[in-house]
Amino acid sequence: MNAADQIKSFDFAKALASVGSIVKGYFPAASINFSPWREDPFTKLWFEEESLDLAFHFPGWSSHMQCRSLLIQLRVTNDHSKDLPHLLGVIIRGITFNGESWKFATIGDWQATGSHLPEPFVIKQLHAICHDLFILFP
């Protein structure tokens, strides 16, 4: 679900802004989109309340990243009694005009999979981003 649609408190809005700051700290050329999904009936069929989705778009195709955009899905608990959700996991997808080029998930061995993998130093940056996100969301 679009991260912007999930904002329930000021603290939660600050946390989402911090997600943007964390990612832009590693990829400063990226622009952030807190609502990457279209608002149409077909897309709403895939609604997942336990997912906060953000996109980061680069000015062009990145040979180091092997993509043009990142789709970041934060898998969270849906505990309405707390201001911030608990982060269960992170899925980052490298997206090109042809679709998904690679995927990195914090499930299992934290390895990237896909047809065109990013450079090893980019994978280290993805690891660092995920560590920072687990610190941000208690």
N, C-alpha and C. Protein backbone atom coordinates (compact mmCIF):
# COMPACT_ATOMS: atom_id res chain seq x y z
N MET A 1 0.85 -1.18 0.00
CA MET A 1 0.00 0.00 0.00
C MET A 1 0.89 1.24 0.00
N ASN A 2 0.43 2.28 -0.62
CA ASN A 2 1.18 3.54 -0.63
C ASN A 2 1.48 3.98 0.80
N ALA A 3 2.73 4.27 1.08
CA ALA A 3 3.13 4.69 2.42
C ALA A 3 2.38 5.95 2.85
N ALA A 4 2.16 6.86 1.94
CA ALA A 4 1.47 8.12 2.27
C ALA A 4 0.06 7.86 2.79
N ASP A 5 -0.57 6.80 2.32
CA ASP A 5 -1.94 6.49 2.75
C ASP A 5 -2.00 5.90 4.16
N GLN A 6 -0.86 5.50 4.69
CA GLN A 6 -0.82 4.83 5.99
C GLN A 6 -0.50 5.78 7.14
N ILE A 7 -0.23 7.02 6.87
CA ILE A 7 0.16 7.96 7.93
C ILE A 7 -1.00 8.16 8.89
N LYS A 8 -0.72 7.86 10.17
CA LYS A 8 -1.76 7.95 11.20
C LYS A 8 -1.40 8.93 12.31
N SER A 9 -0.15 9.38 12.34
CA SER A 9 0.28 10.29 13.41
C SER A 9 1.46 11.11 12.91
N PHE A 10 1.75 12.13 13.67
CA PHE A 10 2.90 12.98 13.35
C PHE A 10 4.20 12.18 13.45
N ASP A 11 4.31 11.34 14.48
CA ASP A 11 5.52 10.51 14.64
C ASP A 11 5.70 9.56 13.47
N PHE A 12 4.59 9.03 12.97
CA PHE A 12 4.66 8.13 11.83
C PHE A 12 5.09 8.89 10.57
N ALA A 13 4.58 10.10 10.39
CA ALA A 13 4.99 10.92 9.25
C ALA A 13 6.49 11.23 9.33
N LYS A 14 6.98 11.53 10.53
CA LYS A 14 8.41 11.79 10.71
C LYS A 14 9.23 10.54 10.38
N ALA A 15 8.74 9.38 10.79
CA ALA A 15 9.46 8.14 10.51
C ALA A 15 9.54 7.88 9.01
N LEU A 16 8.44 8.11 8.28
CA LEU A 16 8.47 7.92 6.83
C LEU A 16 9.41 8.91 6.17
N ALA A 17 9.43 10.14 6.65
CA ALA A 17 10.38 11.12 6.11
C ALA A 17 11.81 10.66 6.39
N SER A 18 12.02 10.04 7.54
CA SER A 18 13.35 9.51 7.87
C SER A 18 13.74 8.37 6.95
N VAL A 19 12.78 7.56 6.53
CA VAL A 19 13.07 6.51 5.55
C VAL A 19 13.62 7.15 4.29
N GLY A 20 12.97 8.21 3.83
CA GLY A 20 13.46 8.93 2.65
C GLY A 20 14.86 9.46 2.86
N SER A 21 15.13 10.02 4.02
CA SER A 21 16.46 10.56 4.32
C SER A 21 17.52 9.46 4.35
N ILE A 22 17.16 8.31 4.92
CA ILE A 22 18.11 7.20 4.97
C ILE A 22 18.50 6.77 3.57
N VAL A 23 17.51 6.54 2.72
CA VAL A 23 17.80 6.06 1.36
C VAL A 23 18.55 7.12 0.57
N LYS A 24 18.13 8.38 0.69
CA LYS A 24 18.82 9.45 -0.04
C LYS A 24 20.24 9.67 0.49
N GLY A 25 20.51 9.27 1.72
CA GLY A 25 21.88 9.33 2.23
C GLY A 25 22.82 8.42 1.45
N TYR A 26 22.30 7.31 0.96
CA TYR A 26 23.09 6.36 0.16
C TYR A 26 22.98 6.64 -1.34
N PHE A 27 21.83 7.14 -1.76
CA PHE A 27 21.57 7.41 -3.18
C PHE A 27 21.04 8.84 -3.32
N PRO A 28 21.91 9.85 -3.21
CA PRO A 28 21.44 11.25 -3.18
C PRO A 28 20.75 11.72 -4.45
N ALA A 29 21.00 11.09 -5.58
CA ALA A 29 20.38 11.53 -6.83
C ALA A 29 18.92 11.06 -6.96
N ALA A 30 18.49 10.17 -6.09
CA ALA A 30 17.15 9.60 -6.19
C ALA A 30 16.09 10.60 -5.73
N SER A 31 14.95 10.58 -6.39
CA SER A 31 13.79 11.34 -5.93
C SER A 31 12.80 10.35 -5.32
N ILE A 32 12.10 10.78 -4.29
CA ILE A 32 11.23 9.88 -3.54
C ILE A 32 9.77 10.04 -3.93
N ASN A 33 9.05 8.93 -3.90
CA ASN A 33 7.62 8.92 -4.17
C ASN A 33 6.96 8.09 -3.06
N PHE A 34 6.20 8.74 -2.19
CA PHE A 34 5.53 8.05 -1.09
C PHE A 34 4.23 7.37 -1.54
N SER A 35 3.84 7.55 -2.79
CA SER A 35 2.61 6.94 -3.34
C SER A 35 2.91 6.34 -4.71
N PRO A 36 3.67 5.23 -4.75
CA PRO A 36 4.06 4.68 -6.05
C PRO A 36 2.94 3.95 -6.80
N TRP A 37 1.85 3.58 -6.11
CA TRP A 37 0.79 2.81 -6.75
C TRP A 37 -0.32 3.72 -7.25
N ARG A 38 -0.90 3.36 -8.38
CA ARG A 38 -2.01 4.10 -8.95
C ARG A 38 -3.25 3.94 -8.08
N GLU A 39 -4.13 4.91 -8.17
CA GLU A 39 -5.40 4.87 -7.45
C GLU A 39 -6.49 4.41 -8.42
N ASP A 40 -6.51 3.12 -8.71
CA ASP A 40 -7.56 2.58 -9.57
C ASP A 40 -8.09 1.28 -8.96
N PRO A 41 -9.25 0.83 -9.39
CA PRO A 41 -9.86 -0.36 -8.79
C PRO A 41 -9.00 -1.62 -8.90
N PHE A 42 -8.30 -1.80 -10.02
CA PHE A 42 -7.47 -2.99 -10.18
C PHE A 42 -6.33 -3.00 -9.18
N THR A 43 -5.65 -1.87 -9.03
CA THR A 43 -4.54 -1.79 -8.09
C THR A 43 -5.03 -1.99 -6.66
N LYS A 44 -6.19 -1.47 -6.34
CA LYS A 44 -6.73 -1.61 -4.98
C LYS A 44 -7.07 -3.05 -4.63
N LEU A 45 -7.21 -3.92 -5.62
CA LEU A 45 -7.42 -5.34 -5.35
C LEU A 45 -6.21 -5.95 -4.63
N TRP A 46 -5.04 -5.36 -4.82
CA TRP A 46 -3.79 -5.87 -4.25
C TRP A 46 -3.44 -5.17 -2.94
N PHE A 47 -4.39 -4.48 -2.35
CA PHE A 47 -4.18 -3.74 -1.11
C PHE A 47 -3.62 -4.65 -0.02
N GLU A 48 -2.54 -4.20 0.62
CA GLU A 48 -1.94 -4.92 1.74
C GLU A 48 -1.70 -3.91 2.86
N GLU A 49 -2.47 -4.02 3.91
CA GLU A 49 -2.36 -3.08 5.02
C GLU A 49 -1.04 -3.24 5.77
N GLU A 50 -0.40 -4.39 5.66
CA GLU A 50 0.85 -4.65 6.37
C GLU A 50 2.08 -4.29 5.55
N SER A 51 1.91 -3.48 4.51
CA SER A 51 3.02 -3.09 3.66
C SER A 51 3.02 -1.58 3.46
N LEU A 52 4.18 -0.98 3.66
CA LEU A 52 4.38 0.44 3.37
C LEU A 52 5.29 0.51 2.16
N ASP A 53 4.78 1.04 1.06
CA ASP A 53 5.52 1.04 -0.20
C ASP A 53 5.96 2.44 -0.58
N LEU A 54 7.24 2.54 -0.93
CA LEU A 54 7.84 3.80 -1.39
C LEU A 54 8.65 3.50 -2.64
N ALA A 55 8.82 4.49 -3.48
CA ALA A 55 9.66 4.33 -4.67
C ALA A 55 10.71 5.44 -4.69
N PHE A 56 11.86 5.10 -5.24
CA PHE A 56 12.94 6.06 -5.44
C PHE A 56 13.35 5.97 -6.89
N HIS A 57 13.30 7.10 -7.58
CA HIS A 57 13.58 7.14 -9.01
C HIS A 57 14.89 7.87 -9.25
N PHE A 58 15.69 7.32 -10.16
CA PHE A 58 16.98 7.92 -10.51
C PHE A 58 16.83 8.71 -11.80
N PRO A 59 17.71 9.69 -12.01
CA PRO A 59 17.59 10.53 -13.21
C PRO A 59 17.76 9.76 -14.51
N GLY A 60 18.34 8.59 -14.45
CA GLY A 60 18.54 7.74 -15.62
C GLY A 60 18.82 6.33 -15.16
N TRP A 61 19.14 5.47 -16.09
CA TRP A 61 19.45 4.09 -15.76
C TRP A 61 20.82 4.05 -15.10
N SER A 62 20.96 3.34 -14.01
CA SER A 62 22.22 3.24 -13.28
C SER A 62 22.88 1.90 -13.58
N SER A 63 24.07 1.94 -14.15
CA SER A 63 24.78 0.69 -14.46
C SER A 63 25.22 -0.01 -13.18
N HIS A 64 25.54 0.76 -12.13
CA HIS A 64 25.94 0.14 -10.86
C HIS A 64 24.75 -0.56 -10.20
N MET A 65 23.58 0.04 -10.33
CA MET A 65 22.39 -0.51 -9.68
C MET A 65 21.62 -1.45 -10.59
N GLN A 66 21.88 -1.38 -11.89
CA GLN A 66 21.17 -2.20 -12.87
C GLN A 66 19.66 -1.94 -12.83
N CYS A 67 19.30 -0.68 -12.60
CA CYS A 67 17.88 -0.32 -12.58
C CYS A 67 17.74 1.18 -12.75
N ARG A 68 16.50 1.60 -12.83
CA ARG A 68 16.16 3.02 -12.93
C ARG A 68 15.41 3.50 -11.69
N SER A 69 14.78 2.56 -11.00
CA SER A 69 13.99 2.89 -9.81
C SER A 69 14.13 1.79 -8.77
N LEU A 70 13.91 2.16 -7.53
CA LEU A 70 13.82 1.20 -6.44
C LEU A 70 12.40 1.23 -5.89
N LEU A 71 11.80 0.07 -5.73
CA LEU A 71 10.54 -0.05 -5.00
C LEU A 71 10.89 -0.67 -3.66
N ILE A 72 10.61 0.04 -2.59
CA ILE A 72 10.91 -0.45 -1.25
C ILE A 72 9.60 -0.76 -0.55
N GLN A 73 9.47 -2.00 -0.11
CA GLN A 73 8.28 -2.43 0.62
C GLN A 73 8.71 -2.78 2.04
N LEU A 74 8.16 -2.02 2.99
CA LEU A 74 8.40 -2.29 4.39
C LEU A 74 7.27 -3.16 4.89
N ARG A 75 7.57 -4.37 5.31
CA ARG A 75 6.56 -5.28 5.85
C ARG A 75 6.46 -5.00 7.34
N VAL A 76 5.29 -4.60 7.81
CA VAL A 76 5.12 -4.14 9.18
C VAL A 76 3.95 -4.85 9.87
N THR A 77 3.96 -4.78 11.20
CA THR A 77 2.81 -5.25 11.97
C THR A 77 1.74 -4.19 11.90
N ASN A 78 0.53 -4.60 12.07
CA ASN A 78 -0.59 -3.67 12.03
C ASN A 78 -1.15 -3.52 13.43
N ASP A 79 -0.37 -2.91 14.32
CA ASP A 79 -0.79 -2.70 15.71
C ASP A 79 -1.23 -1.25 15.87
N HIS A 80 -2.53 -1.03 15.91
CA HIS A 80 -3.08 0.32 15.96
C HIS A 80 -2.90 0.98 17.31
N SER A 81 -2.42 0.23 18.31
CA SER A 81 -2.23 0.83 19.64
C SER A 81 -0.91 1.59 19.74
N LYS A 82 -0.05 1.48 18.75
CA LYS A 82 1.25 2.15 18.78
C LYS A 82 1.33 3.19 17.67
N ASP A 83 2.12 4.25 17.91
CA ASP A 83 2.29 5.28 16.89
C ASP A 83 3.07 4.77 15.69
N LEU A 84 4.07 3.92 15.93
CA LEU A 84 4.89 3.38 14.85
C LEU A 84 4.69 1.88 14.73
N PRO A 85 4.58 1.38 13.52
CA PRO A 85 4.48 -0.08 13.36
C PRO A 85 5.84 -0.73 13.64
N HIS A 86 5.82 -2.02 13.87
CA HIS A 86 7.05 -2.80 14.06
C HIS A 86 7.47 -3.33 12.69
N LEU A 87 8.72 -3.12 12.33
CA LEU A 87 9.23 -3.58 11.04
C LEU A 87 9.56 -5.06 11.10
N LEU A 88 8.93 -5.84 10.23
CA LEU A 88 9.18 -7.28 10.16
C LEU A 88 10.22 -7.63 9.11
N GLY A 89 10.24 -6.87 8.02
CA GLY A 89 11.16 -7.16 6.94
C GLY A 89 11.11 -6.10 5.87
N VAL A 90 12.10 -6.14 4.99
CA VAL A 90 12.22 -5.17 3.91
C VAL A 90 12.41 -5.93 2.61
N ILE A 91 11.71 -5.51 1.58
CA ILE A 91 11.92 -6.03 0.23
C ILE A 91 12.23 -4.83 -0.66
N ILE A 92 13.36 -4.89 -1.35
CA ILE A 92 13.75 -3.83 -2.27
C ILE A 92 13.86 -4.44 -3.66
N ARG A 93 13.18 -3.83 -4.61
CA ARG A 93 13.21 -4.31 -5.99
C ARG A 93 13.84 -3.26 -6.88
N GLY A 94 14.77 -3.70 -7.74
CA GLY A 94 15.33 -2.85 -8.77
C GLY A 94 14.45 -2.93 -10.00
N ILE A 95 13.91 -1.80 -10.43
CA ILE A 95 12.93 -1.77 -11.51
C ILE A 95 13.50 -1.05 -12.74
N THR A 96 13.25 -1.63 -13.91
CA THR A 96 13.60 -0.99 -15.18
C THR A 96 12.30 -0.82 -15.97
N PHE A 97 12.42 -0.30 -17.17
CA PHE A 97 11.23 -0.18 -18.02
C PHE A 97 10.65 -1.55 -18.38
N ASN A 98 11.48 -2.58 -18.29
CA ASN A 98 11.03 -3.93 -18.63
C ASN A 98 10.48 -4.69 -17.42
N GLY A 99 10.50 -4.09 -16.25
CA GLY A 99 9.99 -4.75 -15.05
C GLY A 99 11.09 -4.92 -14.01
N GLU A 100 10.93 -5.93 -13.17
CA GLU A 100 11.87 -6.18 -12.08
C GLU A 100 13.17 -6.77 -12.61
N SER A 101 14.28 -6.13 -12.27
CA SER A 101 15.60 -6.60 -12.66
C SER A 101 16.22 -7.48 -11.58
N TRP A 102 15.98 -7.11 -10.33
CA TRP A 102 16.50 -7.87 -9.19
C TRP A 102 15.66 -7.58 -7.95
N LYS A 103 15.86 -8.43 -6.93
CA LYS A 103 15.14 -8.26 -5.67
C LYS A 103 16.11 -8.55 -4.52
N PHE A 104 16.00 -7.75 -3.47
CA PHE A 104 16.79 -7.93 -2.25
C PHE A 104 15.80 -7.98 -1.09
N ALA A 105 15.89 -9.01 -0.26
CA ALA A 105 14.95 -9.15 0.86
C ALA A 105 15.71 -9.50 2.13
N THR A 106 15.17 -9.03 3.25
CA THR A 106 15.78 -9.31 4.55
C THR A 106 15.24 -10.62 5.13
N ILE A 107 14.85 -11.51 4.28
CA ILE A 107 14.42 -12.84 4.68
C ILE A 107 15.49 -13.81 4.20
N GLY A 108 15.87 -14.73 5.06
CA GLY A 108 16.90 -15.68 4.66
C GLY A 108 18.29 -15.08 4.78
N ASP A 109 19.06 -15.19 3.71
CA ASP A 109 20.47 -14.81 3.76
C ASP A 109 20.77 -13.38 3.26
N TRP A 110 19.75 -12.57 3.07
CA TRP A 110 19.90 -11.16 2.67
C TRP A 110 20.71 -11.04 1.37
N GLN A 111 20.45 -11.89 0.40
CA GLN A 111 21.15 -11.84 -0.87
C GLN A 111 20.23 -11.32 -1.95
N ALA A 112 20.81 -10.63 -2.92
CA ALA A 112 20.05 -10.16 -4.08
C ALA A 112 19.87 -11.32 -5.05
N THR A 113 18.69 -11.37 -5.66
CA THR A 113 18.40 -12.37 -6.68
C THR A 113 17.82 -11.67 -7.89
N GLY A 114 18.00 -12.26 -9.06
CA GLY A 114 17.42 -11.68 -10.25
C GLY A 114 18.31 -11.85 -11.46
N SER A 115 17.84 -11.31 -12.58
CA SER A 115 18.55 -11.49 -13.85
C SER A 115 19.74 -10.56 -14.02
N HIS A 116 19.68 -9.36 -13.46
CA HIS A 116 20.76 -8.38 -13.60
C HIS A 116 21.02 -7.78 -12.22
N LEU A 117 21.99 -8.33 -11.51
CA LEU A 117 22.25 -7.92 -10.13
C LEU A 117 23.05 -6.63 -10.06
N PRO A 118 22.83 -5.84 -9.01
CA PRO A 118 23.64 -4.63 -8.82
C PRO A 118 25.07 -4.99 -8.44
N GLU A 119 25.95 -4.00 -8.52
CA GLU A 119 27.35 -4.19 -8.14
C GLU A 119 27.45 -4.55 -6.65
N PRO A 120 28.49 -5.28 -6.25
CA PRO A 120 28.64 -5.67 -4.84
C PRO A 120 28.60 -4.50 -3.86
N PHE A 121 29.17 -3.35 -4.21
CA PHE A 121 29.14 -2.22 -3.28
C PHE A 121 27.71 -1.69 -3.11
N VAL A 122 26.87 -1.83 -4.13
CA VAL A 122 25.47 -1.42 -4.02
C VAL A 122 24.73 -2.38 -3.08
N ILE A 123 25.04 -3.67 -3.18
CA ILE A 123 24.41 -4.64 -2.27
C ILE A 123 24.79 -4.32 -0.83
N LYS A 124 26.03 -3.89 -0.59
CA LYS A 124 26.42 -3.47 0.76
C LYS A 124 25.62 -2.26 1.21
N GLN A 125 25.35 -1.34 0.29
CA GLN A 125 24.52 -0.18 0.63
C GLN A 125 23.09 -0.61 0.97
N LEU A 126 22.57 -1.59 0.25
CA LEU A 126 21.23 -2.09 0.54
C LEU A 126 21.18 -2.73 1.93
N HIS A 127 22.23 -3.48 2.28
CA HIS A 127 22.33 -4.04 3.63
C HIS A 127 22.29 -2.93 4.67
N ALA A 128 23.09 -1.89 4.45
CA ALA A 128 23.17 -0.78 5.41
C ALA A 128 21.82 -0.06 5.53
N ILE A 129 21.15 0.15 4.41
CA ILE A 129 19.83 0.79 4.44
C ILE A 129 18.88 -0.04 5.30
N CYS A 130 18.86 -1.34 5.09
CA CYS A 130 17.95 -2.20 5.84
C CYS A 130 18.28 -2.19 7.33
N HIS A 131 19.55 -2.23 7.67
CA HIS A 131 19.94 -2.13 9.09
C HIS A 131 19.43 -0.83 9.69
N ASP A 132 19.59 0.26 8.96
CA ASP A 132 19.12 1.57 9.44
C ASP A 132 17.60 1.58 9.61
N LEU A 133 16.89 0.91 8.71
CA LEU A 133 15.43 0.87 8.80
C LEU A 133 14.97 0.05 10.01
N PHE A 134 15.68 -1.01 10.33
CA PHE A 134 15.32 -1.80 11.51
C PHE A 134 15.57 -1.01 12.80
N ILE A 135 16.53 -0.11 12.77
CA ILE A 135 16.77 0.76 13.92
C ILE A 135 15.67 1.81 14.02
N LEU A 136 15.26 2.35 12.89
CA LEU A 136 14.25 3.41 12.86
C LEU A 136 12.89 2.93 13.39
N PHE A 137 12.48 1.74 12.95
CA PHE A 137 11.18 1.20 13.40
C PHE A 137 11.46 0.18 14.50
N PRO A 138 11.04 0.47 15.73
CA PRO A 138 11.38 -0.38 16.88
C PRO A 138 10.82 -1.79 16.76
